[in-house]
Amino acid sequence: RPAARSARKAPAKTAAKSPAKTRAKVPRKVATGTRPAATKLAKAKAKAKAKAKATPALAQVVLAALEDMKAVNVKAMDVRGITDITDMMVVASGTSDRHVKSIADRVVQRCKEAGYRPYGIEGERDGEWVLLDLNDVVLHVMLPRVREFYALEKLWEKGAARHA
């Protein structure tokens, strides 16, 4: 019995190959996870380029959604030199509390479609002032009277003038 079992397990061997051909087919032993740094960096850059081409910039998505929803008096401010919180501050107005809410909802919807997730949304319940935190872009959608009262544009523009 033992001889029969070993015959079933082992397939018949073919003629031996020459040692030169055998060496050419043997792969080099490379430790797992050890690629040259240049290769990793090149792949990361290529991936980032592909992602940049595939997804539009966040600011473009936000501004397009605001335009689509007919937001009033849209103002985009580059605040990189003033604060580390965000790169761009966008302030827009809506004509009513319902309009303010729907503007914010549309911006969230478009951002999600483009692959960006909001970090936080505040003020949707009241609809007088909705704050949307998208990390690189912070959006304030307000009623005109609220916008006039708080005057965020003046606050950030004055800060930009002091830090410039």
Protein backbone atom coordinates (compact mmCIF):
# COMPACT_ATOMS: atom_id res chain seq x y z
CA ARG A 1 0.00 0.00 0.00
CA PRO A 2 2.59 2.66 0.80
CA ALA A 3 4.14 2.28 -2.66
CA ALA A 4 0.78 2.82 -4.36
CA ARG A 5 0.09 6.00 -2.40
CA SER A 6 3.42 7.54 -3.30
CA ALA A 7 2.82 6.71 -6.96
CA ARG A 8 -0.49 8.60 -6.91
CA LYS A 9 0.96 11.70 -5.27
CA ALA A 10 4.06 12.20 -7.36
CA PRO A 11 3.55 12.99 -11.06
CA ALA A 12 5.83 11.50 -13.61
CA LYS A 13 9.00 13.56 -14.13
CA THR A 14 10.01 14.76 -17.56
CA ALA A 15 13.47 14.97 -18.95
CA ALA A 16 15.83 17.20 -16.93
CA LYS A 17 16.37 20.74 -18.24
CA SER A 18 19.75 22.27 -18.68
CA PRO A 19 21.04 24.28 -15.70
CA ALA A 20 21.33 27.52 -17.74
CA LYS A 21 17.62 27.57 -18.59
CA THR A 22 16.67 26.78 -15.01
CA ARG A 23 18.68 29.70 -13.63
CA ALA A 24 17.10 32.16 -16.04
CA LYS A 25 13.58 31.30 -14.86
CA VAL A 26 14.31 31.47 -11.12
CA PRO A 27 13.09 34.83 -9.80
CA ARG A 28 15.34 37.00 -7.68
CA LYS A 29 14.53 36.94 -4.02
CA VAL A 30 13.19 40.34 -2.96
CA ALA A 31 12.03 41.04 0.56
CA THR A 32 8.35 41.91 0.78
CA GLY A 33 7.66 45.64 0.98
CA THR A 34 11.16 46.73 0.03
CA ARG A 35 11.01 48.77 -3.13
CA PRO A 36 13.44 51.50 -3.95
CA ALA A 37 12.23 54.87 -2.64
CA ALA A 38 12.32 56.38 -6.14
CA THR A 39 9.85 53.78 -7.42
CA LYS A 40 7.44 54.40 -4.54
CA LEU A 41 7.68 58.16 -5.02
CA ALA A 42 7.10 57.90 -8.78
CA LYS A 43 4.03 55.72 -8.26
CA ALA A 44 2.65 58.09 -5.62
CA LYS A 45 3.11 61.08 -7.96
CA ALA A 46 1.44 59.24 -10.83
CA LYS A 47 -1.49 58.33 -8.59
CA ALA A 48 -1.84 61.93 -7.40
CA LYS A 49 -1.80 63.21 -11.00
CA ALA A 50 -4.46 60.73 -12.03
CA LYS A 51 -6.63 61.70 -9.07
CA ALA A 52 -6.17 65.41 -9.82
CA LYS A 53 -7.25 64.88 -13.42
CA ALA A 54 -10.20 62.72 -12.41
CA THR A 55 -11.57 64.97 -9.66
CA PRO A 56 -12.07 68.70 -10.09
CA ALA A 57 -10.68 71.04 -7.45
CA LEU A 58 -12.87 71.44 -4.39
CA ALA A 59 -13.17 75.21 -4.82
CA GLN A 60 -14.38 74.73 -8.40
CA VAL A 61 -17.02 72.24 -7.26
CA VAL A 62 -18.27 74.59 -4.52
CA LEU A 63 -18.39 77.67 -6.78
CA ALA A 64 -20.15 75.73 -9.56
CA ALA A 65 -22.80 74.47 -7.11
CA LEU A 66 -23.33 78.01 -5.81
CA GLU A 67 -23.76 79.30 -9.34
CA ASP A 68 -26.14 76.44 -10.17
CA MET A 69 -28.33 77.30 -7.17
CA LYS A 70 -28.25 81.03 -8.00
CA ALA A 71 -26.57 82.08 -4.77
CA VAL A 72 -26.42 85.85 -4.39
CA ASN A 73 -23.24 87.94 -3.95
CA VAL A 74 -20.71 85.08 -3.82
CA LYS A 75 -17.32 86.11 -2.47
CA ALA A 76 -14.32 83.73 -2.38
CA MET A 77 -11.32 84.77 -0.29
CA ASP A 78 -7.90 83.13 -0.17
CA VAL A 79 -7.02 83.05 3.55
CA ARG A 80 -3.90 80.86 3.46
CA GLY A 81 -1.66 83.65 4.76
CA ILE A 82 -4.06 84.53 7.57
CA THR A 83 -5.09 81.21 9.12
CA ASP A 84 -4.13 77.55 9.17
CA ILE A 85 -7.74 76.44 9.52
CA THR A 86 -8.56 76.56 5.81
CA ASP A 87 -7.26 77.70 2.44
CA MET A 88 -10.37 79.41 1.12
CA MET A 89 -13.32 81.11 2.75
CA VAL A 90 -16.46 81.46 0.62
CA VAL A 91 -19.37 83.68 1.68
CA ALA A 92 -22.67 83.63 -0.21
CA SER A 93 -26.24 84.76 0.37
CA GLY A 94 -29.60 83.18 -0.22
CA THR A 95 -32.91 84.96 -0.73
CA SER A 96 -34.80 83.05 2.00
CA ASP A 97 -34.12 80.52 4.73
CA ARG A 98 -35.32 77.75 2.44
CA HIS A 99 -32.97 78.97 -0.32
CA VAL A 100 -30.04 79.06 2.14
CA LYS A 101 -30.74 75.46 3.19
CA SER A 102 -31.08 74.21 -0.39
CA ILE A 103 -27.86 75.96 -1.45
CA ALA A 104 -25.98 74.21 1.35
CA ASP A 105 -27.61 70.87 0.49
CA ARG A 106 -26.65 71.18 -3.18
CA VAL A 107 -23.05 72.04 -2.32
CA VAL A 108 -22.84 68.97 -0.07
CA GLN A 109 -24.39 66.81 -2.79
CA ARG A 110 -21.98 68.04 -5.48
CA CYS A 111 -18.98 67.68 -3.19
CA LYS A 112 -19.90 64.08 -2.38
CA GLU A 113 -20.32 63.33 -6.10
CA ALA A 114 -16.82 64.72 -6.72
CA GLY A 115 -15.36 62.60 -3.91
CA TYR A 116 -15.10 65.21 -1.14
CA ARG A 117 -16.77 64.62 2.21
CA PRO A 118 -17.82 67.51 4.45
CA TYR A 119 -16.30 67.55 7.93
CA GLY A 120 -19.22 69.39 9.45
CA ILE A 121 -22.44 71.26 8.74
CA GLU A 122 -23.92 73.75 11.19
CA GLY A 123 -27.09 75.83 11.15
CA GLU A 124 -29.21 73.83 8.72
CA ARG A 125 -32.16 73.71 11.08
CA ASP A 126 -32.65 77.51 11.29
CA GLY A 127 -31.50 78.34 7.78
CA GLU A 128 -30.33 81.87 8.56
CA TRP A 129 -26.64 80.97 8.44
CA VAL A 130 -25.31 77.60 7.31
CA LEU A 131 -21.64 76.85 7.83
CA LEU A 132 -20.15 74.05 5.74
CA ASP A 133 -16.63 72.82 6.62
CA LEU A 134 -14.95 71.05 3.73
CA ASN A 135 -11.44 71.32 5.26
CA ASP A 136 -9.76 73.24 2.39
CA VAL A 137 -12.86 75.36 1.83
CA VAL A 138 -15.18 76.80 4.47
CA LEU A 139 -18.53 77.98 3.11
CA HIS A 140 -20.86 80.43 4.84
CA VAL A 141 -24.34 80.71 3.30
CA MET A 142 -26.39 83.45 4.98
CA LEU A 143 -29.46 85.57 4.69
CA PRO A 144 -28.56 89.10 3.54
CA ARG A 145 -29.43 90.71 6.90
CA VAL A 146 -27.29 88.19 8.81
CA ARG A 147 -24.43 88.67 6.37
CA GLU A 148 -24.61 92.43 6.74
CA PHE A 149 -24.67 92.19 10.54
CA TYR A 150 -21.61 89.91 10.89
CA ALA A 151 -19.65 91.34 7.92
CA LEU A 152 -17.30 88.35 7.60
CA GLU A 153 -15.82 89.60 4.34
CA LYS A 154 -14.63 92.81 5.98
CA LEU A 155 -13.18 90.87 8.89
CA TRP A 156 -11.17 88.52 6.69
CA GLU A 157 -10.17 91.21 4.18
CA LYS A 158 -8.82 93.43 6.98
CA GLY A 159 -6.89 90.44 8.34
CA ALA A 160 -5.46 89.81 4.88
CA ALA A 161 -4.37 93.45 4.61
CA ARG A 162 -2.59 93.27 8.01
CA HIS A 163 -0.79 90.01 7.22
CA ALA A 164 0.21 90.86 3.65
